[in-house]
C-alpha atoms as a PDB file:
ATOM      1  CA  MET A   1       0.000   0.000   0.000  1.00  0.00           C
ATOM      2  CA  ILE A   2       1.018   3.641  -0.433  1.00  0.00           C
ATOM      3  CA  GLY A   3       2.622   5.222   2.637  1.00  0.00           C
ATOM      4  CA  ILE A   4       4.574   8.397   3.324  1.00  0.00           C
ATOM      5  CA  GLY A   5       7.270   7.919   5.904  1.00  0.00           C
ATOM      6  CA  ALA A   6      10.812   6.784   6.556  1.00  0.00           C
ATOM      7  CA  ARG A   7      12.796   3.605   5.903  1.00  0.00           C
ATOM      8  CA  THR A   8      14.876   4.068   9.078  1.00  0.00           C
ATOM      9  CA  VAL A   9      14.629   6.272  12.176  1.00  0.00           C
ATOM     10  CA  ASP A  10      16.783   9.016  10.664  1.00  0.00           C
ATOM     11  CA  ALA A  11      15.926   8.652   6.972  1.00  0.00           C
ATOM     12  CA  THR A  12      14.411  11.203   4.627  1.00  0.00           C
ATOM     13  CA  VAL A  13      10.612  11.278   4.403  1.00  0.00           C
ATOM     14  CA  GLU A  14       9.458   9.717   1.115  1.00  0.00           C
ATOM     15  CA  VAL A  15       6.638   7.817  -0.565  1.00  0.00           C
ATOM     16  CA  LEU A  16       6.953   4.131   0.338  1.00  0.00           C
ATOM     17  CA  ASP A  17       5.403   0.811  -0.637  1.00  0.00           C
ATOM     18  CA  LEU A  18       4.367  -0.636   2.736  1.00  0.00           C
ATOM     19  CA  PRO A  19       2.703  -3.901   3.746  1.00  0.00           C
ATOM     20  CA  THR A  20      -0.924  -3.686   4.838  1.00  0.00           C
ATOM     21  CA  PRO A  21      -1.430  -3.721   8.638  1.00  0.00           C
ATOM     22  CA  ARG A  22      -2.262  -6.883  10.570  1.00  0.00           C
ATOM     23  CA  GLN A  23      -5.827  -7.534  11.653  1.00  0.00           C
ATOM     24  CA  PRO A  24      -6.947  -5.579  14.733  1.00  0.00           C
ATOM     25  CA  LYS A  25      -6.759  -7.056  18.205  1.00  0.00           C
ATOM     26  CA  SER A  26      -9.245  -6.412  20.994  1.00  0.00           C
ATOM     27  CA  GLY A  27      -9.737  -2.653  21.473  1.00  0.00           C
ATOM     28  CA  GLU A  28      -8.383  -1.820  18.021  1.00  0.00           C
ATOM     29  CA  LEU A  29      -9.816  -0.684  14.684  1.00  0.00           C
ATOM     30  CA  LEU A  30      -8.386  -1.021  11.185  1.00  0.00           C
ATOM     31  CA  LEU A  31      -9.123   2.054   9.071  1.00  0.00           C
ATOM     32  CA  GLU A  32      -9.009   2.812   5.375  1.00  0.00           C
ATOM     33  CA  THR A  33      -7.472   6.283   5.516  1.00  0.00           C
ATOM     34  CA  ILE A  34      -9.388   9.117   3.860  1.00  0.00           C
ATOM     35  CA  THR A  35      -7.403  12.149   5.057  1.00  0.00           C
ATOM     36  CA  ALA A  36      -4.438  12.641   7.381  1.00  0.00           C
ATOM     37  CA  GLY A  37      -3.082  15.750   9.080  1.00  0.00           C
ATOM     38  CA  ILE A  38       0.499  17.002   8.819  1.00  0.00           C
ATOM     39  CA  GLY A  39       1.983  18.806  11.829  1.00  0.00           C
ATOM     40  CA  PRO A  40       5.398  20.057  12.959  1.00  0.00           C
ATOM     41  CA  TRP A  41       5.417  17.267  15.544  1.00  0.00           C
ATOM     42  CA  ASP A  42       5.524  14.625  12.801  1.00  0.00           C
ATOM     43  CA  ALA A  43       9.191  15.387  12.157  1.00  0.00           C
ATOM     44  CA  LEU A  44       9.873  14.060  15.656  1.00  0.00           C
ATOM     45  CA  LEU A  45       8.371  10.659  14.893  1.00  0.00           C
ATOM     46  CA  HIS A  46      11.233   9.334  12.786  1.00  0.00           C
ATOM     47  CA  ILE A  47      14.384  10.860  14.244  1.00  0.00           C
ATOM     48  CA  THR A  48      16.717   9.295  16.773  1.00  0.00           C
ATOM     49  CA  ASP A  49      15.661  10.116  20.358  1.00  0.00           C
ATOM     50  CA  GLY A  50      12.462  11.632  18.993  1.00  0.00           C
ATOM     51  CA  TRP A  51       8.882  11.383  20.217  1.00  0.00           C
ATOM     52  CA  ASP A  52       8.368   7.692  21.004  1.00  0.00           C
ATOM     53  CA  VAL A  53       5.100   6.620  19.379  1.00  0.00           C
ATOM     54  CA  GLN A  54       6.452   3.075  18.846  1.00  0.00           C
ATOM     55  CA  LEU A  55       7.066   3.619  15.156  1.00  0.00           C
ATOM     56  CA  LYS A  56       8.648   0.573  13.531  1.00  0.00           C
ATOM     57  CA  PRO A  57      10.375   1.660  10.301  1.00  0.00           C
ATOM     58  CA  PRO A  58       9.945   1.323   7.460  1.00  0.00           C
ATOM     59  CA  ALA A  59       6.670   2.979   8.393  1.00  0.00           C
ATOM     60  CA  ALA A  60       4.296   5.809   7.662  1.00  0.00           C
ATOM     61  CA  LEU A  61       4.304   8.931   9.811  1.00  0.00           C
ATOM     62  CA  GLY A  62       1.217  10.749  11.085  1.00  0.00           C
ATOM     63  CA  VAL A  63      -0.778  10.610  14.325  1.00  0.00           C
ATOM     64  CA  GLU A  64      -4.102  12.137  13.228  1.00  0.00           C
ATOM     65  CA  GLY A  65      -6.625  11.617  10.501  1.00  0.00           C
ATOM     66  CA  VAL A  66      -9.987  10.404   9.275  1.00  0.00           C
ATOM     67  CA  GLY A  67     -10.735   6.880   8.078  1.00  0.00           C
ATOM     68  CA  ARG A  68     -13.425   4.320   7.381  1.00  0.00           C
ATOM     69  CA  VAL A  69     -13.616   1.283   9.680  1.00  0.00           C
ATOM     70  CA  ILE A  70     -12.836  -1.851   7.649  1.00  0.00           C
ATOM     71  CA  ALA A  71     -12.097  -4.293  10.499  1.00  0.00           C
ATOM     72  CA  ILE A  72     -12.900  -4.375  14.228  1.00  0.00           C
ATOM     73  CA  GLY A  73     -10.977  -6.195  16.933  1.00  0.00           C
ATOM     74  CA  PRO A  74     -12.714  -8.982  18.898  1.00  0.00           C
ATOM     75  CA  GLY A  75     -15.013  -7.654  21.602  1.00  0.00           C
ATOM     76  CA  THR A  76     -14.511  -4.018  20.584  1.00  0.00           C
ATOM     77  CA  GLU A  77     -17.751  -2.100  21.028  1.00  0.00           C
ATOM     78  CA  GLY A  78     -19.115   1.240  19.833  1.00  0.00           C
ATOM     79  CA  PHE A  79     -18.216   0.956  16.147  1.00  0.00           C
ATOM     80  CA  THR A  80     -19.501  -0.885  13.082  1.00  0.00           C
ATOM     81  CA  LEU A  81     -17.970  -1.630   9.702  1.00  0.00           C
ATOM     82  CA  GLY A  82     -18.242   1.402   7.439  1.00  0.00           C
ATOM     83  CA  ASP A  83     -18.221   3.998  10.224  1.00  0.00           C
ATOM     84  CA  VAL A  84     -16.141   7.072   9.400  1.00  0.00           C
ATOM     85  CA  VAL A  85     -14.092   8.221  12.377  1.00  0.00           C
ATOM     86  CA  VAL A  86     -11.659  10.980  13.298  1.00  0.00           C
ATOM     87  CA  VAL A  87      -8.667   9.989  15.408  1.00  0.00           C
ATOM     88  CA  HIS A  88      -5.541  11.132  17.199  1.00  0.00           C
ATOM     89  CA  ASP A  89      -3.610   8.097  18.400  1.00  0.00           C
ATOM     90  CA  THR A  90      -0.345   7.335  20.176  1.00  0.00           C
ATOM     91  CA  PRO A  91       1.309   4.950  20.611  1.00  0.00           C
ATOM     92  CA  LEU A  92       0.590   3.509  17.181  1.00  0.00           C
ATOM     93  CA  PRO A  93      -0.574  -0.100  17.699  1.00  0.00           C
ATOM     94  CA  GLY A  94       0.572  -1.204  14.246  1.00  0.00           C
ATOM     95  CA  GLY A  95       3.927   0.584  14.420  1.00  0.00           C
ATOM     96  CA  SER A  96       2.935   2.782  11.467  1.00  0.00           C
ATOM     97  CA  GLY A  97       0.918   5.979  11.186  1.00  0.00           C
ATOM     98  CA  PHE A  98      -1.892   7.736   9.333  1.00  0.00           C
ATOM     99  CA  TRP A  99       0.091   8.717   6.249  1.00  0.00           C
ATOM    100  CA  ALA A 100      -0.860   5.458   4.576  1.00  0.00           C
ATOM    101  CA  GLU A 101      -3.835   3.886   2.857  1.00  0.00           C
ATOM    102  CA  GLN A 102      -4.602   1.833   5.973  1.00  0.00           C
ATOM    103  CA  VAL A 103      -3.805   2.330   9.664  1.00  0.00           C
ATOM    104  CA  LEU A 104      -4.408   0.489  12.937  1.00  0.00           C
ATOM    105  CA  VAL A 105      -5.720   2.604  15.841  1.00  0.00           C
ATOM    106  CA  HIS A 106      -7.011   2.202  19.373  1.00  0.00           C
ATOM    107  CA  ALA A 107     -10.799   2.393  19.458  1.00  0.00           C
ATOM    108  CA  SER A 108     -10.634   4.561  22.591  1.00  0.00           C
ATOM    109  CA  SER A 109      -8.880   7.264  20.543  1.00  0.00           C
ATOM    110  CA  ALA A 110     -11.542   7.396  17.827  1.00  0.00           C
ATOM    111  CA  ALA A 111     -14.638   9.603  17.516  1.00  0.00           C
ATOM    112  CA  MET A 112     -17.436   9.406  14.970  1.00  0.00           C
ATOM    113  CA  LEU A 113     -17.180  11.985  12.201  1.00  0.00           C
ATOM    114  CA  PRO A 114     -20.204  14.242  12.782  1.00  0.00           C
ATOM    115  CA  SER A 115     -22.556  15.203   9.993  1.00  0.00           C
ATOM    116  CA  GLY A 116     -21.542  18.464   8.355  1.00  0.00           C
ATOM    117  CA  LEU A 117     -17.804  18.127   9.054  1.00  0.00           C
ATOM    118  CA  SER A 118     -15.675  17.371   5.996  1.00  0.00           C
ATOM    119  CA  PRO A 119     -12.886  14.773   6.219  1.00  0.00           C
ATOM    120  CA  GLU A 120     -10.389  17.482   5.221  1.00  0.00           C
ATOM    121  CA  THR A 121     -11.327  19.771   8.097  1.00  0.00           C
ATOM    122  CA  ALA A 122     -11.660  16.877  10.517  1.00  0.00           C
ATOM    123  CA  ALA A 123      -8.169  15.570   9.763  1.00  0.00           C
ATOM    124  CA  ALA A 124      -6.747  18.999  10.569  1.00  0.00           C
ATOM    125  CA  LEU A 125      -8.451  19.071  13.943  1.00  0.00           C
ATOM    126  CA  PRO A 126      -7.335  16.330  16.376  1.00  0.00           C
ATOM    127  CA  VAL A 127      -3.860  17.273  17.611  1.00  0.00           C
ATOM    128  CA  ALA A 128      -4.414  21.035  17.582  1.00  0.00           C
ATOM    129  CA  ALA A 129      -7.857  20.913  19.184  1.00  0.00           C
ATOM    130  CA  LEU A 130      -7.044  18.261  21.785  1.00  0.00           C
ATOM    131  CA  THR A 131      -3.809  20.019  22.757  1.00  0.00           C
ATOM    132  CA  ALA A 132      -5.643  23.324  23.110  1.00  0.00           C
ATOM    133  CA  SER A 133      -8.451  21.725  25.113  1.00  0.00           C
ATOM    134  CA  GLN A 134      -6.084  19.955  27.490  1.00  0.00           C
ATOM    135  CA  SER A 135      -3.987  23.106  27.876  1.00  0.00           C
ATOM    136  CA  LEU A 136      -6.958  25.276  28.809  1.00  0.00           C
ATOM    137  CA  LYS A 137      -8.057  22.683  31.350  1.00  0.00           C
ATOM    138  CA  GLU A 138      -4.560  22.677  32.838  1.00  0.00           C
ATOM    139  CA  LEU A 139      -4.637  26.494  32.982  1.00  0.00           C
ATOM    140  CA  GLN A 140      -8.078  26.454  34.642  1.00  0.00           C
ATOM    141  CA  VAL A 141      -9.468  28.794  32.001  1.00  0.00           C
ATOM    142  CA  GLY A 142     -13.088  29.776  32.546  1.00  0.00           C
ATOM    143  CA  VAL A 143     -15.471  32.704  32.518  1.00  0.00           C
ATOM    144  CA  GLY A 144     -13.567  35.938  33.093  1.00  0.00           C
ATOM    145  CA  THR A 145     -10.060  34.434  32.840  1.00  0.00           C
ATOM    146  CA  ARG A 146      -7.557  36.837  31.291  1.00  0.00           C
ATOM    147  CA  LEU A 147      -5.766  34.490  28.888  1.00  0.00           C
ATOM    148  CA  LEU A 148      -2.717  35.185  26.722  1.00  0.00           C
ATOM    149  CA  VAL A 149      -2.033  32.768  23.862  1.00  0.00           C
ATOM    150  CA  VAL A 150       1.468  33.129  22.417  1.00  0.00           C
ATOM    151  CA  GLY A 151       1.646  31.828  18.850  1.00  0.00           C
ATOM    152  CA  SER A 152      -0.297  31.842  15.602  1.00  0.00           C
ATOM    153  CA  GLY A 153      -0.290  28.224  14.443  1.00  0.00           C
ATOM    154  CA  PRO A 154      -3.225  25.785  14.440  1.00  0.00           C
ATOM    155  CA  THR A 155      -2.963  24.941  18.152  1.00  0.00           C
ATOM    156  CA  ALA A 156      -2.844  28.612  19.131  1.00  0.00           C
ATOM    157  CA  VAL A 157      -5.868  29.295  16.923  1.00  0.00           C
ATOM    158  CA  MET A 158      -7.777  26.446  18.571  1.00  0.00           C
ATOM    159  CA  ALA A 159      -6.827  27.711  22.039  1.00  0.00           C
ATOM    160  CA  ILE A 160      -7.992  31.235  21.248  1.00  0.00           C
ATOM    161  CA  ARG A 161     -11.331  30.018  19.998  1.00  0.00           C
ATOM    162  CA  LEU A 162     -11.901  27.515  22.822  1.00  0.00           C
ATOM    163  CA  GLY A 163     -10.934  30.163  25.367  1.00  0.00           C
ATOM    164  CA  VAL A 164     -13.470  32.569  23.901  1.00  0.00           C
ATOM    165  CA  LEU A 165     -16.160  29.879  23.894  1.00  0.00           C
ATOM    166  CA  GLY A 166     -15.358  29.236  27.552  1.00  0.00           C
ATOM    167  CA  GLY A 167     -15.920  32.871  28.471  1.00  0.00           C
ATOM    168  CA  ALA A 168     -12.289  34.011  28.768  1.00  0.00           C
ATOM    169  CA  GLU A 169     -10.908  37.362  27.610  1.00  0.00           C
ATOM    170  CA  VAL A 170      -8.272  36.233  25.139  1.00  0.00           C
ATOM    171  CA  VAL A 171      -5.298  38.203  23.848  1.00  0.00           C
ATOM    172  CA  ALA A 172      -2.870  36.795  21.274  1.00  0.00           C
ATOM    173  CA  ALA A 173       0.871  37.432  21.071  1.00  0.00           C
ATOM    174  CA  ALA A 174       2.108  36.946  17.508  1.00  0.00           C
ATOM    175  CA  SER A 175       3.486  38.696  14.455  1.00  0.00           C
ATOM    176  CA  PRO A 176       1.286  41.636  13.394  1.00  0.00           C
ATOM    177  CA  ARG A 177       0.721  39.981  10.007  1.00  0.00           C
ATOM    178  CA  HIS A 178      -1.525  37.454  11.773  1.00  0.00           C
ATOM    179  CA  SER A 179      -3.626  40.095  13.537  1.00  0.00           C
ATOM    180  CA  ASP A 180      -6.709  39.952  11.332  1.00  0.00           C
ATOM    181  CA  ARG A 181      -6.805  36.171  11.333  1.00  0.00           C
ATOM    182  CA  LEU A 182      -6.468  35.905  15.120  1.00  0.00           C
ATOM    183  CA  ARG A 183      -9.028  38.634  15.754  1.00  0.00           C
ATOM    184  CA  ARG A 184     -11.491  36.684  13.612  1.00  0.00           C
ATOM    185  CA  ARG A 185     -11.045  33.780  16.034  1.00  0.00           C
ATOM    186  CA  GLY A 186     -11.958  36.048  18.952  1.00  0.00           C
ATOM    187  CA  ALA A 187      -8.719  37.627  20.212  1.00  0.00           C
ATOM    188  CA  VAL A 188      -9.554  41.073  21.618  1.00  0.00           C
ATOM    189  CA  ASP A 189      -6.017  42.393  21.141  1.00  0.00           C
ATOM    190  CA  ILE A 190      -2.716  41.414  19.506  1.00  0.00           C
ATOM    191  CA  ILE A 191       0.688  41.939  21.121  1.00  0.00           C
ATOM    192  CA  ASP A 192       3.644  41.953  18.729  1.00  0.00           C
ATOM    193  CA  SER A 193       5.731  39.105  20.121  1.00  0.00           C
ATOM    194  CA  HIS A 194       8.400  39.718  17.475  1.00  0.00           C
ATOM    195  CA  ALA A 195       9.270  43.091  18.970  1.00  0.00           C
ATOM    196  CA  GLU A 196      12.293  43.363  21.263  1.00  0.00           C
ATOM    197  CA  LYS A 197      11.279  43.063  24.939  1.00  0.00           C
ATOM    198  CA  TRP A 198       7.684  42.695  23.760  1.00  0.00           C
ATOM    199  CA  ALA A 199       6.293  42.241  27.286  1.00  0.00           C
ATOM    200  CA  GLN A 200       7.141  45.902  27.948  1.00  0.00           C
ATOM    201  CA  THR A 201       4.996  47.092  25.027  1.00  0.00           C
ATOM    202  CA  THR A 202       1.681  46.436  26.806  1.00  0.00           C
ATOM    203  CA  ASP A 203       0.024  47.303  30.105  1.00  0.00           C
ATOM    204  CA  ARG A 204      -2.082  44.150  30.013  1.00  0.00           C
ATOM    205  CA  ARG A 205      -1.668  41.483  32.688  1.00  0.00           C
ATOM    206  CA  PHE A 206      -2.941  37.929  32.640  1.00  0.00           C
ATOM    207  CA  ASP A 207      -4.171  35.139  34.875  1.00  0.00           C
ATOM    208  CA  ALA A 208      -3.005  32.426  32.482  1.00  0.00           C
ATOM    209  CA  VAL A 209      -0.598  32.118  29.555  1.00  0.00           C
ATOM    210  CA  LEU A 210      -0.335  29.394  26.936  1.00  0.00           C
ATOM    211  CA  ILE A 211       3.004  29.184  25.138  1.00  0.00           C
ATOM    212  CA  ALA A 212       2.702  27.833  21.581  1.00  0.00           C
ATOM    213  CA  ALA A 213       5.794  29.500  20.096  1.00  0.00           C
ATOM    214  CA  ASP A 214       9.433  28.659  20.792  1.00  0.00           C
ATOM    215  CA  GLY A 215      11.522  31.035  22.851  1.00  0.00           C
ATOM    216  CA  THR A 216       8.699  33.158  24.256  1.00  0.00           C
ATOM    217  CA  ALA A 217       8.072  31.719  27.716  1.00  0.00           C
ATOM    218  CA  GLU A 218      10.556  33.804  29.708  1.00  0.00           C
ATOM    219  CA  GLU A 219       9.239  37.081  28.301  1.00  0.00           C
ATOM    220  CA  ALA A 220       5.608  36.004  28.753  1.00  0.00           C
ATOM    221  CA  MET A 221       6.208  35.311  32.468  1.00  0.00           C
ATOM    222  CA  LYS A 222       6.559  39.079  32.966  1.00  0.00           C
ATOM    223  CA  LEU A 223       2.904  39.536  32.006  1.00  0.00           C
ATOM    224  CA  ILE A 224       1.433  37.068  34.513  1.00  0.00           C
ATOM    225  CA  ASP A 225      -0.002  38.280  37.795  1.00  0.00           C
ATOM    226  CA  ASP A 226       1.337  36.718  41.000  1.00  0.00           C
ATOM    227  CA  GLY A 227      -0.303  33.359  41.552  1.00  0.00           C
ATOM    228  CA  GLY A 228      -1.088  32.917  37.868  1.00  0.00           C
ATOM    229  CA  ARG A 229      -0.419  29.968  35.574  1.00  0.00           C
ATOM    230  CA  LEU A 230       1.741  29.194  32.525  1.00  0.00           C
ATOM    231  CA  THR A 231       1.600  26.108  30.328  1.00  0.00           C
ATOM    232  CA  SER A 232       4.152  25.557  27.574  1.00  0.00           C
ATOM    233  CA  LEU A 233       3.680  23.387  24.508  1.00  0.00           C
ATOM    234  CA  THR A 234       7.302  23.899  23.491  1.00  0.00           C
ATOM    235  CA  SER A 235       8.957  22.128  26.452  1.00  0.00           C
ATOM    236  CA  ASP A 236      10.475  25.319  27.861  1.00  0.00           C
ATOM    237  CA  ALA A 237       8.327  26.247  30.857  1.00  0.00           C
ATOM    238  CA  PRO A 238      10.343  28.545  33.191  1.00  0.00           C
ATOM    239  CA  GLU A 239      10.858  27.740  36.844  1.00  0.00           C
ATOM    240  CA  PRO A 240       7.938  28.833  39.059  1.00  0.00           C
ATOM    241  CA  THR A 241       8.241  32.273  40.621  1.00  0.00           C
ATOM    242  CA  ARG A 242       5.942  34.780  42.355  1.00  0.00           C
ATOM    243  CA  GLY A 243       3.535  31.939  43.009  1.00  0.00           C
ATOM    244  CA  ILE A 244       3.100  31.318  39.275  1.00  0.00           C
ATOM    245  CA  ALA A 245       2.548  27.637  38.476  1.00  0.00           C
ATOM    246  CA  THR A 246       4.396  26.481  35.338  1.00  0.00           C
ATOM    247  CA  ASN A 247       4.412  23.233  33.410  1.00  0.00           C
ATOM    248  CA  ASP A 248       5.105  21.622  30.053  1.00  0.00           C
ATOM    249  CA  LEU A 249       2.117  19.844  28.512  1.00  0.00           C
ATOM    250  CA  TYR A 250       2.117  16.851  26.173  1.00  0.00           C
ATOM    251  CA  ILE A 251      -1.070  15.766  24.454  1.00  0.00           C
ATOM    252  CA  VAL A 252      -2.753  12.446  25.240  1.00  0.00           C
ATOM    253  CA  PRO A 253      -5.360  10.758  23.004  1.00  0.00           C
ATOM    254  CA  ASP A 254      -8.959  11.225  24.152  1.00  0.00           C
ATOM    255  CA  GLY A 255     -11.721   9.963  21.896  1.00  0.00           C
ATOM    256  CA  ALA A 256     -14.510  11.364  24.066  1.00  0.00           C
ATOM    257  CA  ASP A 257     -13.135  14.905  24.073  1.00  0.00           C
ATOM    258  CA  LEU A 258     -12.319  14.645  20.377  1.00  0.00           C
ATOM    259  CA  GLU A 259     -15.985  13.851  19.740  1.00  0.00           C
ATOM    260  CA  ARG A 260     -16.982  17.038  21.578  1.00  0.00           C
ATOM    261  CA  LEU A 261     -14.475  19.109  19.622  1.00  0.00           C
ATOM    262  CA  ALA A 262     -15.509  17.600  16.291  1.00  0.00           C
ATOM    263  CA  LYS A 263     -19.123  18.520  17.011  1.00  0.00           C
ATOM    264  CA  LEU A 264     -18.052  22.099  17.739  1.00  0.00           C
ATOM    265  CA  ALA A 265     -16.233  22.170  14.404  1.00  0.00           C
ATOM    266  CA  ALA A 266     -19.267  20.760  12.613  1.00  0.00           C
ATOM    267  CA  ALA A 267     -21.358  23.548  14.159  1.00  0.00           C
ATOM    268  CA  GLY A 268     -18.935  26.155  12.802  1.00  0.00           C
ATOM    269  CA  GLU A 269     -17.477  27.071  16.195  1.00  0.00           C
ATOM    270  CA  LEU A 270     -13.957  25.803  15.419  1.00  0.00           C
ATOM    271  CA  SER A 271     -12.143  26.255  12.132  1.00  0.00           C
ATOM    272  CA  LEU A 272      -8.687  26.201  10.603  1.00  0.00           C
ATOM    273  CA  GLU A 273      -7.205  27.241   7.269  1.00  0.00           C
ATOM    274  CA  VAL A 274      -6.794  23.889   5.535  1.00  0.00           C
ATOM    275  CA  THR A 275      -4.936  22.995   2.339  1.00  0.00           C
ATOM    276  CA  THR A 276      -5.017  19.455   0.926  1.00  0.00           C
ATOM    277  CA  VAL A 277      -2.087  17.775  -0.799  1.00  0.00           C
ATOM    278  CA  THR A 278      -1.633  14.455  -2.583  1.00  0.00           C
ATOM    279  CA  ALA A 279       0.471  11.586  -1.298  1.00  0.00           C
ATOM    280  CA  GLU A 280       3.159  12.497  -3.831  1.00  0.00           C
ATOM    281  CA  GLN A 281       3.251  16.085  -2.536  1.00  0.00           C
ATOM    282  CA  ALA A 282       3.381  15.048   1.117  1.00  0.00           C
ATOM    283  CA  PRO A 283       7.184  14.697   1.597  1.00  0.00           C
ATOM    284  CA  ALA A 284       7.833  18.239   0.350  1.00  0.00           C
ATOM    285  CA  THR A 285       4.910  19.548   2.396  1.00  0.00           C
ATOM    286  CA  GLU A 286       6.235  17.847   5.529  1.00  0.00           C
ATOM    287  CA  ALA A 287       9.522  19.700   5.039  1.00  0.00           C
ATOM    288  CA  VAL A 288       7.679  23.026   4.819  1.00  0.00           C
ATOM    289  CA  VAL A 289       5.636  22.335   7.951  1.00  0.00           C
ATOM    290  CA  SER A 290       8.525  21.005  10.058  1.00  0.00           C
ATOM    291  CA  SER A 291      10.632  24.069   9.206  1.00  0.00           C
ATOM    292  CA  GLY A 292       7.903  26.425  10.459  1.00  0.00           C
ATOM    293  CA  ARG A 293       7.011  27.829   7.045  1.00  0.00           C
ATOM    294  CA  SER A 294       3.331  26.844   6.956  1.00  0.00           C
ATOM    295  CA  ARG A 295       2.172  30.384   7.904  1.00  0.00           C
ATOM    296  CA  GLY A 296      -0.671  29.114  10.038  1.00  0.00           C
ATOM    297  CA  VAL A 297      -2.101  26.831   7.347  1.00  0.00           C
ATOM    298  CA  LYS A 298      -2.901  23.234   8.278  1.00  0.00           C
ATOM    299  CA  TYR A 299      -1.935  20.762   5.552  1.00  0.00           C
ATOM    300  CA  VAL A 300      -3.872  17.536   5.062  1.00  0.00           C
ATOM    301  CA  ILE A 301      -3.025  14.546   2.861  1.00  0.00           C
ATOM    302  CA  ASP A 302      -5.971  13.383   0.750  1.00  0.00           C
ATOM    303  CA  PHE A 303      -6.006   9.591   0.407  1.00  0.00           C
ATOM    304  CA  GLY A 304      -9.567   9.525  -0.935  1.00  0.00           C
ATOM    305  CA  THR A 305      -8.598   9.007  -4.553  1.00  0.00           C
ATOM    306  CA  ALA A 306      -5.753   6.605  -3.857  1.00  0.00           C
ATOM    307  CA  ALA A 307      -7.869   4.453  -1.533  1.00  0.00           C
ATOM    308  CA  GLY A 308     -11.027   4.706  -3.613  1.00  0.00           C
ATOM    309  CA  SER A 309     -12.855   6.250  -0.662  1.00  0.00           C
ATOM    310  CA  THR A 310     -15.898   8.487  -0.692  1.00  0.00           C
ATOM    311  CA  VAL A 311     -17.794  10.092   2.158  1.00  0.00           C
END
């Protein structure tokens, strides 16, 4: 089958001819992939000492996507053959990811694709939306929370929107070129985080800060009131000070929460700028995304034609 991945842990990403996955065990589903998301985290899946998702090269990359259920493990409940599901999954039970025509996943990581949500949009959603949701829970964001989201990528966009939906006053810190886009998601103000000593350019102070851009955590700490909270998605949370709680957050699969988020997206409450690419275009696209040149666009691989799938 067609797969996009690596022959060894440190090899170049390329289009591969991979064996089809084994049959699912109890608690697992075998999917025919329809669409699969590409994120900057995917570059970590195939490098030495990278993110351990139990990849077994040669293998496809990818930890999120949409697929049709074509086999169900013994005793696995809640799904039937032909169901179309959206998934973020780690570790990968088959040792290979979503950038392939078929993929094995844990049933507990899967959510039904709601009516009105396209496979392209759904495949862009799981990692960004789940990370944002888990981050806001960690930051105790609720009605009236003064929240600063530092970054402009898909996860930052999801966090802004989910914060607004939760009743928070959300400010974004990003390059001014993203101002219009982030305001459309609900940010009430934009701080230019590319300016030197950017924390000194605003009088605003915050209860909670989410870091979704490298190298910004130390400066952002200056904007948090005593006793506030900071969560970093870039593994660089500063040491606690002034009673400010700090932590690094790493996403965990959650099919139930993903179902909630997918329904919000289907209702038009969550959205991303999505561009689809073919399997042949995926290696070059992965290089663009991993180098930080996606400019806030979420890229999705379309396997529909290759796999003969329709929704």
